[in-house]
Structure formats: C-alpha cells, structure tokens
C-alpha cells in the first residue's frame, strides 16, 4: 500500500494528521478434492477481492523535543471502494497507533505500528472481510519552515461532524437515512469579519446492504458578527461531490449550492461552532431511467458541529 499524508501542527505537542492510502484487499480460496483418499488434492488460489482507498483522520500527541520524538495517535478511518467483489468491506472504523519521529533537518522519518478495528462488513456465507488490521507504516515528510499562514492571513484547521435532518433518498425501498457524517475543515481569515472555509466531508448514502460513498467539498464565504457577547456567522458558497462504490447505482449529482448560519465560541485554543446548513444539489438522474422519479433528493438539511484549533 502507499499514499499521501498531511499534518497540521496545533501546538508543540498536538497535531492533526490526515492520510489517503491505496490498498488492495487479498482473499484466499482453498479447494480440497477427494479428501481422505489416495487421489486427494489441494488447490490454493489468491486474488485481489477489493481495491480500496482509506482515509484516516488522527489526533497526534508527540513526546519530547529531541531529534527522536515518540508519538501516539488515534482517530477515525473511512474507506471507499474503487473495485469490490462480494463480500464488501466495512466503510468506517477506529484507528490507534504509536511510533517515533526521527528528524534529519527539515526531513522527518516516522516509522509506526498502527491498528484499525473496522466495523462489521458484509458476508456472502463463505468468507468474511477481517475486521482487525495491524500494519507497520513508514512515512517520509517535509516540515514547512513557517506556521500555517497564507500571506498575512491566519489559517485555522479543525474537524467537524453532524447528522442529516431530512431523507436523502426518495422512492427507494429499504432506504437508510439520517446517517452521521464527519470530516475536516480549513478556514482562512480574509479580513476582520470575513473568512473562507473549505471542508472535506465523508457522507455515505445508502439502502440496506449497499451504500454509495460520497465526499462533499463545500467552499464558502463566511461573515462573522457579534450580538450581546455571542459571535454569530452566516456562510454560503458552492459545493462539489465525488462518489464511489456505486455497484450499478445511479451516481448523485456532482455540484450544488450551500448556505448556513450558526454560532461560535472559543475557549483558549479550542473553538466550537454548531450550525444549521442547507444544500440544494443540482437535479440528479432519474431512478431506473424513468422520468419524474428521483433517486437522490436535491434538498439536504444538516446539523453540523465544527471544532477548530
């Protein structure tokens, strides 16, 4: 497996790391013919059952200030399928790990042992996808010489989560709606009272036994103002959506417009910002090719909570 990593430093001890990793999931079948007889034979076949992308989002705590710095990390992992056989692996899990960061100037080598416990996946009655994943990873990174700024503008990174308040699918039996979602955010201050926020949000959409996996990318202009000690904000801008694991399903629309409003409160280095957000997606394709029947509803109402650092 191989991938990319981005780490945002919060303080001398804490940081947030996001990974994108491409991984093949292998399966093994063993055929035994005429067991117990003189003509017995065994045939073993190994093959790639699924091709996946994994997206761990981890909080990281680093110990010490020397060249060798141990660390521990933990967080959530998401998984999308580029190609999947049956059974399909689960789409989310919990990840924890430990390692050491070794500095060579601005280059950093980070070997670590990482464990992921995936949620229960699908089964075809013959074999299942293992839920426990233990791996040895080695990362090579370059440490930027300055803090996170764009010109003279401050950048704020964070995580967010929430839930849909309305149904996502229409006219589909066995639909599963109102699912939770999560992601990461980046907010760049433009001037006093104005900022630009970009999010990457993982949102599965599905029915029982099958989920279309989506990543949404809203890019919004935010206006902040204060009333009686409370700091309020409104936001609006375009949203883009990528989808995977369609499995013969119709893909959702790829773009829309998002608007929302909320309140934010900061306590030292931590900021909390609950908001109500509405997205109007462009019309998707008709369900089953029949006109007038929509698979994905174009209206999305969500309660979302952001935590920034």
C-alpha atoms as a PDB file:
ATOM      1  CA  UNK A   1       0.000   0.000   0.000  1.00  0.00           C
ATOM      2  CA  UNK A   2       1.058   3.615  -0.457  1.00  0.00           C
ATOM      3  CA  UNK A   3      -0.416   7.078  -0.010  1.00  0.00           C
ATOM      4  CA  UNK A   4      -0.124  10.722   0.991  1.00  0.00           C
ATOM      5  CA  UNK A   5      -0.175  12.448   4.387  1.00  0.00           C
ATOM      6  CA  UNK A   6      -0.873  15.979   5.647  1.00  0.00           C
ATOM      7  CA  UNK A   7      -0.179  17.054   9.234  1.00  0.00           C
ATOM      8  CA  UNK A   8      -1.358  20.341  10.755  1.00  0.00           C
ATOM      9  CA  UNK A   9       0.508  21.345  13.926  1.00  0.00           C
ATOM     10  CA  UNK A  10      -1.707  22.752  16.711  1.00  0.00           C
ATOM     11  CA  UNK A  11       0.959  23.156  19.411  1.00  0.00           C
ATOM     12  CA  UNK A  12       4.376  21.744  20.329  1.00  0.00           C
ATOM     13  CA  UNK A  13       2.668  18.528  21.455  1.00  0.00           C
ATOM     14  CA  UNK A  14      -0.576  18.200  19.499  1.00  0.00           C
ATOM     15  CA  UNK A  15      -1.308  17.916  15.768  1.00  0.00           C
ATOM     16  CA  UNK A  16      -3.916  16.548  13.365  1.00  0.00           C
ATOM     17  CA  UNK A  17      -2.872  14.128  10.631  1.00  0.00           C
ATOM     18  CA  UNK A  18      -4.889  13.085   7.588  1.00  0.00           C
ATOM     19  CA  UNK A  19      -3.888  10.232   5.271  1.00  0.00           C
ATOM     20  CA  UNK A  20      -5.018   8.974   1.887  1.00  0.00           C
ATOM     21  CA  UNK A  21      -3.898   5.376   1.260  1.00  0.00           C
ATOM     22  CA  UNK A  22      -4.486   2.992  -1.616  1.00  0.00           C
ATOM     23  CA  UNK A  23      -4.760  -0.656  -0.573  1.00  0.00           C
ATOM     24  CA  UNK A  24      -5.595  -3.995  -2.186  1.00  0.00           C
ATOM     25  CA  UNK A  25      -7.525  -6.489  -0.040  1.00  0.00           C
ATOM     26  CA  UNK A  26      -6.472 -10.058  -0.842  1.00  0.00           C
ATOM     27  CA  UNK A  27      -8.543 -13.221  -0.479  1.00  0.00           C
ATOM     28  CA  UNK A  28      -7.518 -16.868  -0.461  1.00  0.00           C
ATOM     29  CA  UNK A  29      -9.584 -19.878  -1.541  1.00  0.00           C
ATOM     30  CA  UNK A  30      -8.554 -23.457  -0.793  1.00  0.00           C
ATOM     31  CA  UNK A  31     -10.122 -26.319  -2.773  1.00  0.00           C
ATOM     32  CA  UNK A  32      -9.817 -29.901  -1.496  1.00  0.00           C
ATOM     33  CA  UNK A  33     -10.824 -32.731  -3.823  1.00  0.00           C
ATOM     34  CA  UNK A  34     -11.398 -36.302  -2.697  1.00  0.00           C
ATOM     35  CA  UNK A  35     -10.239 -35.768   0.915  1.00  0.00           C
ATOM     36  CA  UNK A  36      -9.156 -38.953   2.711  1.00  0.00           C
ATOM     37  CA  UNK A  37      -8.467 -40.879  -0.493  1.00  0.00           C
ATOM     38  CA  UNK A  38      -5.291 -41.656  -2.388  1.00  0.00           C
ATOM     39  CA  UNK A  39      -6.456 -39.224  -5.096  1.00  0.00           C
ATOM     40  CA  UNK A  40      -6.783 -36.297  -2.661  1.00  0.00           C
ATOM     41  CA  UNK A  41      -5.528 -32.936  -3.912  1.00  0.00           C
ATOM     42  CA  UNK A  42      -5.482 -29.354  -2.656  1.00  0.00           C
ATOM     43  CA  UNK A  43      -5.508 -26.190  -4.754  1.00  0.00           C
ATOM     44  CA  UNK A  44      -4.884 -22.712  -3.324  1.00  0.00           C
ATOM     45  CA  UNK A  45      -5.840 -19.534  -5.164  1.00  0.00           C
ATOM     46  CA  UNK A  46      -5.026 -15.970  -4.062  1.00  0.00           C
ATOM     47  CA  UNK A  47      -6.639 -12.955  -5.697  1.00  0.00           C
ATOM     48  CA  UNK A  48      -7.459  -9.265  -5.113  1.00  0.00           C
ATOM     49  CA  UNK A  49     -11.009  -9.218  -3.747  1.00  0.00           C
ATOM     50  CA  UNK A  50     -11.308  -5.423  -3.332  1.00  0.00           C
ATOM     51  CA  UNK A  51      -9.356  -2.297  -4.249  1.00  0.00           C
ATOM     52  CA  UNK A  52      -9.855   0.393  -1.628  1.00  0.00           C
ATOM     53  CA  UNK A  53      -8.929   3.931  -0.572  1.00  0.00           C
ATOM     54  CA  UNK A  54      -8.544   4.545   3.169  1.00  0.00           C
ATOM     55  CA  UNK A  55      -8.849   7.965   4.848  1.00  0.00           C
ATOM     56  CA  UNK A  56      -7.633   8.011   8.490  1.00  0.00           C
ATOM     57  CA  UNK A  57      -8.073  11.312  10.390  1.00  0.00           C
ATOM     58  CA  UNK A  58      -5.976  11.178  13.582  1.00  0.00           C
ATOM     59  CA  UNK A  59      -5.173  13.302  16.618  1.00  0.00           C
ATOM     60  CA  UNK A  60      -1.465  13.026  17.378  1.00  0.00           C
ATOM     61  CA  UNK A  61       0.433  13.611  20.628  1.00  0.00           C
ATOM     62  CA  UNK A  62       4.243  13.934  20.430  1.00  0.00           C
ATOM     63  CA  UNK A  63       6.601  13.476  23.396  1.00  0.00           C
ATOM     64  CA  UNK A  64       9.896  15.325  23.794  1.00  0.00           C
ATOM     65  CA  UNK A  65      11.817  17.950  21.833  1.00  0.00           C
ATOM     66  CA  UNK A  66      14.839  15.928  20.713  1.00  0.00           C
ATOM     67  CA  UNK A  67      15.745  14.537  17.328  1.00  0.00           C
ATOM     68  CA  UNK A  68      13.996  11.267  18.269  1.00  0.00           C
ATOM     69  CA  UNK A  69      10.401  12.039  19.370  1.00  0.00           C
ATOM     70  CA  UNK A  70       7.938   9.239  20.240  1.00  0.00           C
ATOM     71  CA  UNK A  71       4.249   9.810  19.474  1.00  0.00           C
ATOM     72  CA  UNK A  72       0.832   8.206  19.838  1.00  0.00           C
ATOM     73  CA  UNK A  73      -2.189   8.870  17.640  1.00  0.00           C
ATOM     74  CA  UNK A  74      -5.823   7.887  17.370  1.00  0.00           C
ATOM     75  CA  UNK A  75      -8.971   8.753  15.470  1.00  0.00           C
ATOM     76  CA  UNK A  76     -11.424   7.564  12.847  1.00  0.00           C
ATOM     77  CA  UNK A  77     -10.858   5.878   9.485  1.00  0.00           C
ATOM     78  CA  UNK A  78     -13.074   5.836   6.415  1.00  0.00           C
ATOM     79  CA  UNK A  79     -12.889   3.551   3.412  1.00  0.00           C
ATOM     80  CA  UNK A  80     -14.200   3.840  -0.136  1.00  0.00           C
ATOM     81  CA  UNK A  81     -14.159   1.100  -2.770  1.00  0.00           C
ATOM     82  CA  UNK A  82     -12.629   1.530  -6.195  1.00  0.00           C
ATOM     83  CA  UNK A  83     -13.391  -2.085  -7.100  1.00  0.00           C
ATOM     84  CA  UNK A  84     -15.197  -4.529  -4.858  1.00  0.00           C
ATOM     85  CA  UNK A  85     -16.240  -8.151  -5.036  1.00  0.00           C
ATOM     86  CA  UNK A  86     -18.505  -9.922  -2.566  1.00  0.00           C
ATOM     87  CA  UNK A  87     -18.493  -9.566   0.345  1.00  0.00           C
ATOM     88  CA  UNK A  88     -17.819  -5.837   0.636  1.00  0.00           C
ATOM     89  CA  UNK A  89     -15.601  -4.487   3.432  1.00  0.00           C
ATOM     90  CA  UNK A  90     -16.963  -2.065   6.032  1.00  0.00           C
ATOM     91  CA  UNK A  91     -16.725   1.662   5.334  1.00  0.00           C
ATOM     92  CA  UNK A  92     -15.570   3.031   8.731  1.00  0.00           C
ATOM     93  CA  UNK A  93     -13.547   2.105  11.799  1.00  0.00           C
ATOM     94  CA  UNK A  94     -11.363   3.307  14.682  1.00  0.00           C
ATOM     95  CA  UNK A  95      -7.574   3.635  14.413  1.00  0.00           C
ATOM     96  CA  UNK A  96      -4.796   3.925  17.008  1.00  0.00           C
ATOM     97  CA  UNK A  97      -1.019   3.749  16.712  1.00  0.00           C
ATOM     98  CA  UNK A  98       2.381   4.589  18.139  1.00  0.00           C
ATOM     99  CA  UNK A  99       5.747   5.359  16.618  1.00  0.00           C
ATOM    100  CA  UNK A 100       8.737   7.658  16.612  1.00  0.00           C
ATOM    101  CA  UNK A 101       9.563  10.749  14.536  1.00  0.00           C
ATOM    102  CA  UNK A 102      13.225  10.980  13.534  1.00  0.00           C
ATOM    103  CA  UNK A 103      14.351  14.360  12.188  1.00  0.00           C
ATOM    104  CA  UNK A 104      17.025  14.930   9.549  1.00  0.00           C
ATOM    105  CA  UNK A 105      16.950  18.708   9.179  1.00  0.00           C
ATOM    106  CA  UNK A 106      13.539  19.505   7.691  1.00  0.00           C
ATOM    107  CA  UNK A 107      13.040  15.904   6.590  1.00  0.00           C
ATOM    108  CA  UNK A 108      11.307  13.556   9.005  1.00  0.00           C
ATOM    109  CA  UNK A 109      11.125   9.747   9.055  1.00  0.00           C
ATOM    110  CA  UNK A 110       8.170   8.319  11.019  1.00  0.00           C
ATOM    111  CA  UNK A 111       8.000   4.518  11.405  1.00  0.00           C
ATOM    112  CA  UNK A 112       4.961   3.409  13.391  1.00  0.00           C
ATOM    113  CA  UNK A 113       2.748   0.462  14.296  1.00  0.00           C
ATOM    114  CA  UNK A 114      -0.944   1.125  13.593  1.00  0.00           C
ATOM    115  CA  UNK A 115      -4.068  -0.849  14.444  1.00  0.00           C
ATOM    116  CA  UNK A 116      -7.552  -0.361  12.919  1.00  0.00           C
ATOM    117  CA  UNK A 117     -10.754  -2.020  14.080  1.00  0.00           C
ATOM    118  CA  UNK A 118     -13.243  -1.877  11.213  1.00  0.00           C
ATOM    119  CA  UNK A 119     -16.996  -2.091  11.658  1.00  0.00           C
ATOM    120  CA  UNK A 120     -18.755  -5.288  10.640  1.00  0.00           C
ATOM    121  CA  UNK A 121     -18.788  -5.698   6.863  1.00  0.00           C
ATOM    122  CA  UNK A 122     -20.945  -7.767   4.549  1.00  0.00           C
ATOM    123  CA  UNK A 123     -20.745 -11.568   4.256  1.00  0.00           C
ATOM    124  CA  UNK A 124     -21.526 -13.937   1.412  1.00  0.00           C
ATOM    125  CA  UNK A 125     -21.729 -17.054   3.619  1.00  0.00           C
ATOM    126  CA  UNK A 126     -18.327 -18.396   2.557  1.00  0.00           C
ATOM    127  CA  UNK A 127     -15.816 -15.868   3.840  1.00  0.00           C
ATOM    128  CA  UNK A 128     -15.795 -12.504   5.612  1.00  0.00           C
ATOM    129  CA  UNK A 129     -13.523  -9.474   5.497  1.00  0.00           C
ATOM    130  CA  UNK A 130     -11.325  -9.363   8.607  1.00  0.00           C
ATOM    131  CA  UNK A 131     -12.168  -6.521  10.967  1.00  0.00           C
ATOM    132  CA  UNK A 132      -8.750  -6.305  12.663  1.00  0.00           C
ATOM    133  CA  UNK A 133      -5.988  -4.585  10.688  1.00  0.00           C
ATOM    134  CA  UNK A 134      -2.437  -4.377  12.046  1.00  0.00           C
ATOM    135  CA  UNK A 135       0.250  -2.737   9.925  1.00  0.00           C
ATOM    136  CA  UNK A 136       3.739  -1.304  10.009  1.00  0.00           C
ATOM    137  CA  UNK A 137       3.912   2.078   8.266  1.00  0.00           C
ATOM    138  CA  UNK A 138       6.827   4.348   7.437  1.00  0.00           C
ATOM    139  CA  UNK A 139       6.303   7.957   6.435  1.00  0.00           C
ATOM    140  CA  UNK A 140       8.718  10.465   4.918  1.00  0.00           C
ATOM    141  CA  UNK A 141       7.668  14.100   5.351  1.00  0.00           C
ATOM    142  CA  UNK A 142       8.990  17.627   4.882  1.00  0.00           C
ATOM    143  CA  UNK A 143       8.407  20.137   7.695  1.00  0.00           C
ATOM    144  CA  UNK A 144       7.384  23.591   6.462  1.00  0.00           C
ATOM    145  CA  UNK A 145       9.635  26.409   7.773  1.00  0.00           C
ATOM    146  CA  UNK A 146       6.759  28.734   8.822  1.00  0.00           C
ATOM    147  CA  UNK A 147       3.439  28.499  10.610  1.00  0.00           C
ATOM    148  CA  UNK A 148       0.201  27.995   8.723  1.00  0.00           C
ATOM    149  CA  UNK A 149      -0.483  31.319   7.025  1.00  0.00           C
ATOM    150  CA  UNK A 150      -1.470  32.445   3.551  1.00  0.00           C
ATOM    151  CA  UNK A 151       0.398  35.707   3.159  1.00  0.00           C
ATOM    152  CA  UNK A 152      -0.522  37.569   6.335  1.00  0.00           C
ATOM    153  CA  UNK A 153      -3.799  35.690   6.796  1.00  0.00           C
ATOM    154  CA  UNK A 154      -4.256  33.154   9.582  1.00  0.00           C
ATOM    155  CA  UNK A 155      -5.385  29.609   8.783  1.00  0.00           C
ATOM    156  CA  UNK A 156      -7.428  27.510  11.211  1.00  0.00           C
ATOM    157  CA  UNK A 157      -7.779  23.735  10.858  1.00  0.00           C
ATOM    158  CA  UNK A 158     -10.431  21.628  12.525  1.00  0.00           C
ATOM    159  CA  UNK A 159     -12.713  18.615  12.441  1.00  0.00           C
ATOM    160  CA  UNK A 160     -16.473  18.536  12.035  1.00  0.00           C
ATOM    161  CA  UNK A 161     -19.357  16.133  12.408  1.00  0.00           C
ATOM    162  CA  UNK A 162     -23.108  16.120  12.294  1.00  0.00           C
ATOM    163  CA  UNK A 163     -26.235  14.424  11.008  1.00  0.00           C
ATOM    164  CA  UNK A 164     -28.763  14.833   8.215  1.00  0.00           C
ATOM    165  CA  UNK A 165     -32.165  16.087   9.284  1.00  0.00           C
ATOM    166  CA  UNK A 166     -34.074  15.011   6.173  1.00  0.00           C
ATOM    167  CA  UNK A 167     -34.146  11.934   3.954  1.00  0.00           C
ATOM    168  CA  UNK A 168     -31.544  11.635   1.204  1.00  0.00           C
ATOM    169  CA  UNK A 169     -33.301   9.050  -0.981  1.00  0.00           C
ATOM    170  CA  UNK A 170     -36.809   9.127  -2.414  1.00  0.00           C
ATOM    171  CA  UNK A 171     -38.819   6.294  -3.926  1.00  0.00           C
ATOM    172  CA  UNK A 172     -36.296   3.652  -2.833  1.00  0.00           C
ATOM    173  CA  UNK A 173     -37.276   0.660  -0.638  1.00  0.00           C
ATOM    174  CA  UNK A 174     -35.179  -0.271   2.422  1.00  0.00           C
ATOM    175  CA  UNK A 175     -33.521   3.125   2.473  1.00  0.00           C
ATOM    176  CA  UNK A 176     -31.206   4.084   5.335  1.00  0.00           C
ATOM    177  CA  UNK A 177     -31.209   7.819   6.035  1.00  0.00           C
ATOM    178  CA  UNK A 178     -30.247  10.328   8.739  1.00  0.00           C
ATOM    179  CA  UNK A 179     -26.744   8.932   8.975  1.00  0.00           C
ATOM    180  CA  UNK A 180     -23.958  10.671  10.805  1.00  0.00           C
ATOM    181  CA  UNK A 181     -21.034  12.138   8.894  1.00  0.00           C
ATOM    182  CA  UNK A 182     -17.612  13.591   9.635  1.00  0.00           C
ATOM    183  CA  UNK A 183     -14.718  15.388   8.025  1.00  0.00           C
ATOM    184  CA  UNK A 184     -12.081  18.098   8.226  1.00  0.00           C
ATOM    185  CA  UNK A 185     -12.190  21.855   7.662  1.00  0.00           C
ATOM    186  CA  UNK A 186      -9.832  24.702   6.788  1.00  0.00           C
ATOM    187  CA  UNK A 187     -10.713  28.341   7.492  1.00  0.00           C
ATOM    188  CA  UNK A 188      -8.661  31.243   6.090  1.00  0.00           C
ATOM    189  CA  UNK A 189      -9.250  34.723   7.525  1.00  0.00           C
ATOM    190  CA  UNK A 190      -9.606  37.323   4.745  1.00  0.00           C
ATOM    191  CA  UNK A 191     -10.131  40.411   6.902  1.00  0.00           C
ATOM    192  CA  UNK A 192     -11.992  41.381  10.063  1.00  0.00           C
ATOM    193  CA  UNK A 193     -15.378  39.678   9.956  1.00  0.00           C
ATOM    194  CA  UNK A 194     -14.745  37.725   6.728  1.00  0.00           C
ATOM    195  CA  UNK A 195     -13.188  34.319   6.095  1.00  0.00           C
ATOM    196  CA  UNK A 196     -13.230  31.492   3.553  1.00  0.00           C
ATOM    197  CA  UNK A 197     -13.935  27.943   4.718  1.00  0.00           C
ATOM    198  CA  UNK A 198     -13.315  24.727   2.755  1.00  0.00           C
ATOM    199  CA  UNK A 199     -14.484  21.339   4.064  1.00  0.00           C
ATOM    200  CA  UNK A 200     -13.930  17.722   3.133  1.00  0.00           C
ATOM    201  CA  UNK A 201     -16.887  15.670   4.434  1.00  0.00           C
ATOM    202  CA  UNK A 202     -17.400  11.908   4.203  1.00  0.00           C
ATOM    203  CA  UNK A 203     -21.101  11.024   3.780  1.00  0.00           C
ATOM    204  CA  UNK A 204     -22.345   7.510   2.977  1.00  0.00           C
ATOM    205  CA  UNK A 205     -25.746   7.361   1.258  1.00  0.00           C
ATOM    206  CA  UNK A 206     -27.489   4.045   1.017  1.00  0.00           C
ATOM    207  CA  UNK A 207     -30.034   1.335   1.399  1.00  0.00           C
ATOM    208  CA  UNK A 208     -29.851  -1.796   3.482  1.00  0.00           C
ATOM    209  CA  UNK A 209     -26.893  -3.873   2.270  1.00  0.00           C
ATOM    210  CA  UNK A 210     -25.456  -1.220  -0.036  1.00  0.00           C
ATOM    211  CA  UNK A 211     -24.019   2.273   0.375  1.00  0.00           C
ATOM    212  CA  UNK A 212     -22.917   4.841  -2.166  1.00  0.00           C
ATOM    213  CA  UNK A 213     -19.864   6.548  -0.672  1.00  0.00           C
ATOM    214  CA  UNK A 214     -19.567  10.291  -1.194  1.00  0.00           C
ATOM    215  CA  UNK A 215     -17.105  13.058  -0.335  1.00  0.00           C
ATOM    216  CA  UNK A 216     -18.519  16.578  -0.298  1.00  0.00           C
ATOM    217  CA  UNK A 217     -16.367  19.700  -0.689  1.00  0.00           C
ATOM    218  CA  UNK A 218     -18.218  22.938   0.183  1.00  0.00           C
ATOM    219  CA  UNK A 219     -16.245  26.178  -0.333  1.00  0.00           C
ATOM    220  CA  UNK A 220     -17.987  29.043   1.468  1.00  0.00           C
ATOM    221  CA  UNK A 221     -17.561  32.707   2.269  1.00  0.00           C
ATOM    222  CA  UNK A 222     -18.292  33.328   5.983  1.00  0.00           C
ATOM    223  CA  UNK A 223     -19.406  36.584   7.585  1.00  0.00           C
ATOM    224  CA  UNK A 224     -18.952  36.959  11.363  1.00  0.00           C
ATOM    225  CA  UNK A 225     -20.637  39.443  13.684  1.00  0.00           C
ATOM    226  CA  UNK A 226     -21.339  39.785  17.392  1.00  0.00           C
ATOM    227  CA  UNK A 227     -24.598  40.349  19.283  1.00  0.00           C
ATOM    228  CA  UNK A 228     -24.622  40.729  23.090  1.00  0.00           C
ATOM    229  CA  UNK A 229     -21.446  38.770  23.575  1.00  0.00           C
ATOM    230  CA  UNK A 230     -22.329  35.976  21.131  1.00  0.00           C
ATOM    231  CA  UNK A 231     -20.298  35.566  17.931  1.00  0.00           C
ATOM    232  CA  UNK A 232     -22.617  34.607  15.070  1.00  0.00           C
ATOM    233  CA  UNK A 233     -21.844  33.748  11.472  1.00  0.00           C
ATOM    234  CA  UNK A 234     -23.522  33.104   8.147  1.00  0.00           C
ATOM    235  CA  UNK A 235     -21.974  31.212   5.234  1.00  0.00           C
ATOM    236  CA  UNK A 236     -22.677  30.486   1.588  1.00  0.00           C
ATOM    237  CA  UNK A 237     -20.930  29.080  -1.462  1.00  0.00           C
ATOM    238  CA  UNK A 238     -20.722  26.215  -3.983  1.00  0.00           C
ATOM    239  CA  UNK A 239     -20.459  22.537  -3.036  1.00  0.00           C
ATOM    240  CA  UNK A 240     -18.901  19.728  -5.029  1.00  0.00           C
ATOM    241  CA  UNK A 241     -19.410  15.986  -4.589  1.00  0.00           C
ATOM    242  CA  UNK A 242     -17.406  12.893  -5.571  1.00  0.00           C
ATOM    243  CA  UNK A 243     -18.922   9.402  -5.300  1.00  0.00           C
ATOM    244  CA  UNK A 244     -17.735   5.800  -5.323  1.00  0.00           C
ATOM    245  CA  UNK A 245     -18.877   2.217  -4.654  1.00  0.00           C
ATOM    246  CA  UNK A 246     -21.842   2.729  -6.988  1.00  0.00           C
ATOM    247  CA  UNK A 247     -22.387  -1.020  -7.640  1.00  0.00           C
ATOM    248  CA  UNK A 248     -24.743  -0.300 -10.561  1.00  0.00           C
ATOM    249  CA  UNK A 249     -26.453   2.516  -8.637  1.00  0.00           C
ATOM    250  CA  UNK A 250     -27.099   5.873 -10.276  1.00  0.00           C
ATOM    251  CA  UNK A 251     -24.470   8.443  -9.205  1.00  0.00           C
ATOM    252  CA  UNK A 252     -25.649  11.521  -7.287  1.00  0.00           C
ATOM    253  CA  UNK A 253     -25.275  14.992  -8.766  1.00  0.00           C
ATOM    254  CA  UNK A 254     -21.790  16.498  -8.542  1.00  0.00           C
ATOM    255  CA  UNK A 255     -22.445  20.132  -7.620  1.00  0.00           C
ATOM    256  CA  UNK A 256     -24.812  22.356  -5.668  1.00  0.00           C
ATOM    257  CA  UNK A 257     -25.085  25.483  -3.530  1.00  0.00           C
ATOM    258  CA  UNK A 258     -24.766  25.604   0.270  1.00  0.00           C
ATOM    259  CA  UNK A 259     -25.875  28.207   2.822  1.00  0.00           C
ATOM    260  CA  UNK A 260     -25.961  28.135   6.601  1.00  0.00           C
ATOM    261  CA  UNK A 261     -25.834  30.020   9.880  1.00  0.00           C
ATOM    262  CA  UNK A 262     -24.520  29.304  13.359  1.00  0.00           C
ATOM    263  CA  UNK A 263     -22.801  30.498  16.495  1.00  0.00           C
ATOM    264  CA  UNK A 264     -19.200  30.051  17.606  1.00  0.00           C
ATOM    265  CA  UNK A 265     -17.470  30.109  20.946  1.00  0.00           C
ATOM    266  CA  UNK A 266     -13.740  29.958  21.689  1.00  0.00           C
ATOM    267  CA  UNK A 267     -12.125  28.739  24.911  1.00  0.00           C
ATOM    268  CA  UNK A 268      -8.381  29.385  24.744  1.00  0.00           C
ATOM    269  CA  UNK A 269      -7.165  27.390  21.710  1.00  0.00           C
ATOM    270  CA  UNK A 270     -10.365  25.439  21.066  1.00  0.00           C
ATOM    271  CA  UNK A 271     -13.334  26.756  19.079  1.00  0.00           C
ATOM    272  CA  UNK A 272     -16.797  25.130  18.877  1.00  0.00           C
ATOM    273  CA  UNK A 273     -19.256  26.184  16.163  1.00  0.00           C
ATOM    274  CA  UNK A 274     -22.675  24.483  15.815  1.00  0.00           C
ATOM    275  CA  UNK A 275     -24.558  25.447  12.647  1.00  0.00           C
ATOM    276  CA  UNK A 276     -27.601  24.628  10.573  1.00  0.00           C
ATOM    277  CA  UNK A 277     -26.682  24.108   6.932  1.00  0.00           C
ATOM    278  CA  UNK A 278     -28.786  23.708   3.772  1.00  0.00           C
ATOM    279  CA  UNK A 279     -27.557  22.449   0.389  1.00  0.00           C
ATOM    280  CA  UNK A 280     -29.506  22.493  -2.862  1.00  0.00           C
ATOM    281  CA  UNK A 281     -27.983  19.945  -5.230  1.00  0.00           C
ATOM    282  CA  UNK A 282     -28.465  20.023  -8.973  1.00  0.00           C
ATOM    283  CA  UNK A 283     -31.036  17.566 -10.276  1.00  0.00           C
ATOM    284  CA  UNK A 284     -29.665  14.021 -10.477  1.00  0.00           C
ATOM    285  CA  UNK A 285     -30.539  11.321 -12.944  1.00  0.00           C
ATOM    286  CA  UNK A 286     -33.947   9.600 -12.851  1.00  0.00           C
ATOM    287  CA  UNK A 287     -34.207   6.409 -10.821  1.00  0.00           C
ATOM    288  CA  UNK A 288     -34.083   3.374 -13.082  1.00  0.00           C
ATOM    289  CA  UNK A 289     -34.196   5.671 -16.096  1.00  0.00           C
ATOM    290  CA  UNK A 290     -37.851   6.550 -15.536  1.00  0.00           C
ATOM    291  CA  UNK A 291     -38.640  10.276 -15.859  1.00  0.00           C
ATOM    292  CA  UNK A 292     -40.192  12.024 -12.881  1.00  0.00           C
ATOM    293  CA  UNK A 293     -38.731   9.590 -10.328  1.00  0.00           C
ATOM    294  CA  UNK A 294     -35.743  10.936  -8.383  1.00  0.00           C
ATOM    295  CA  UNK A 295     -33.279   8.690  -6.581  1.00  0.00           C
ATOM    296  CA  UNK A 296     -31.465  11.431  -4.641  1.00  0.00           C
ATOM    297  CA  UNK A 297     -33.459  14.300  -3.183  1.00  0.00           C
ATOM    298  CA  UNK A 298     -31.917  17.646  -4.207  1.00  0.00           C
ATOM    299  CA  UNK A 299     -32.511  19.232  -0.764  1.00  0.00           C
ATOM    300  CA  UNK A 300     -30.204  18.471   2.162  1.00  0.00           C
ATOM    301  CA  UNK A 301     -30.664  19.924   5.675  1.00  0.00           C
ATOM    302  CA  UNK A 302     -27.963  19.178   8.247  1.00  0.00           C
ATOM    303  CA  UNK A 303     -26.989  19.961  11.804  1.00  0.00           C
ATOM    304  CA  UNK A 304     -23.205  20.300  11.874  1.00  0.00           C
ATOM    305  CA  UNK A 305     -20.710  20.983  14.684  1.00  0.00           C
ATOM    306  CA  UNK A 306     -17.155  22.133  13.994  1.00  0.00           C
ATOM    307  CA  UNK A 307     -14.216  22.004  16.404  1.00  0.00           C
ATOM    308  CA  UNK A 308     -11.245  24.186  15.429  1.00  0.00           C
ATOM    309  CA  UNK A 309      -7.752  24.675  16.809  1.00  0.00           C
END
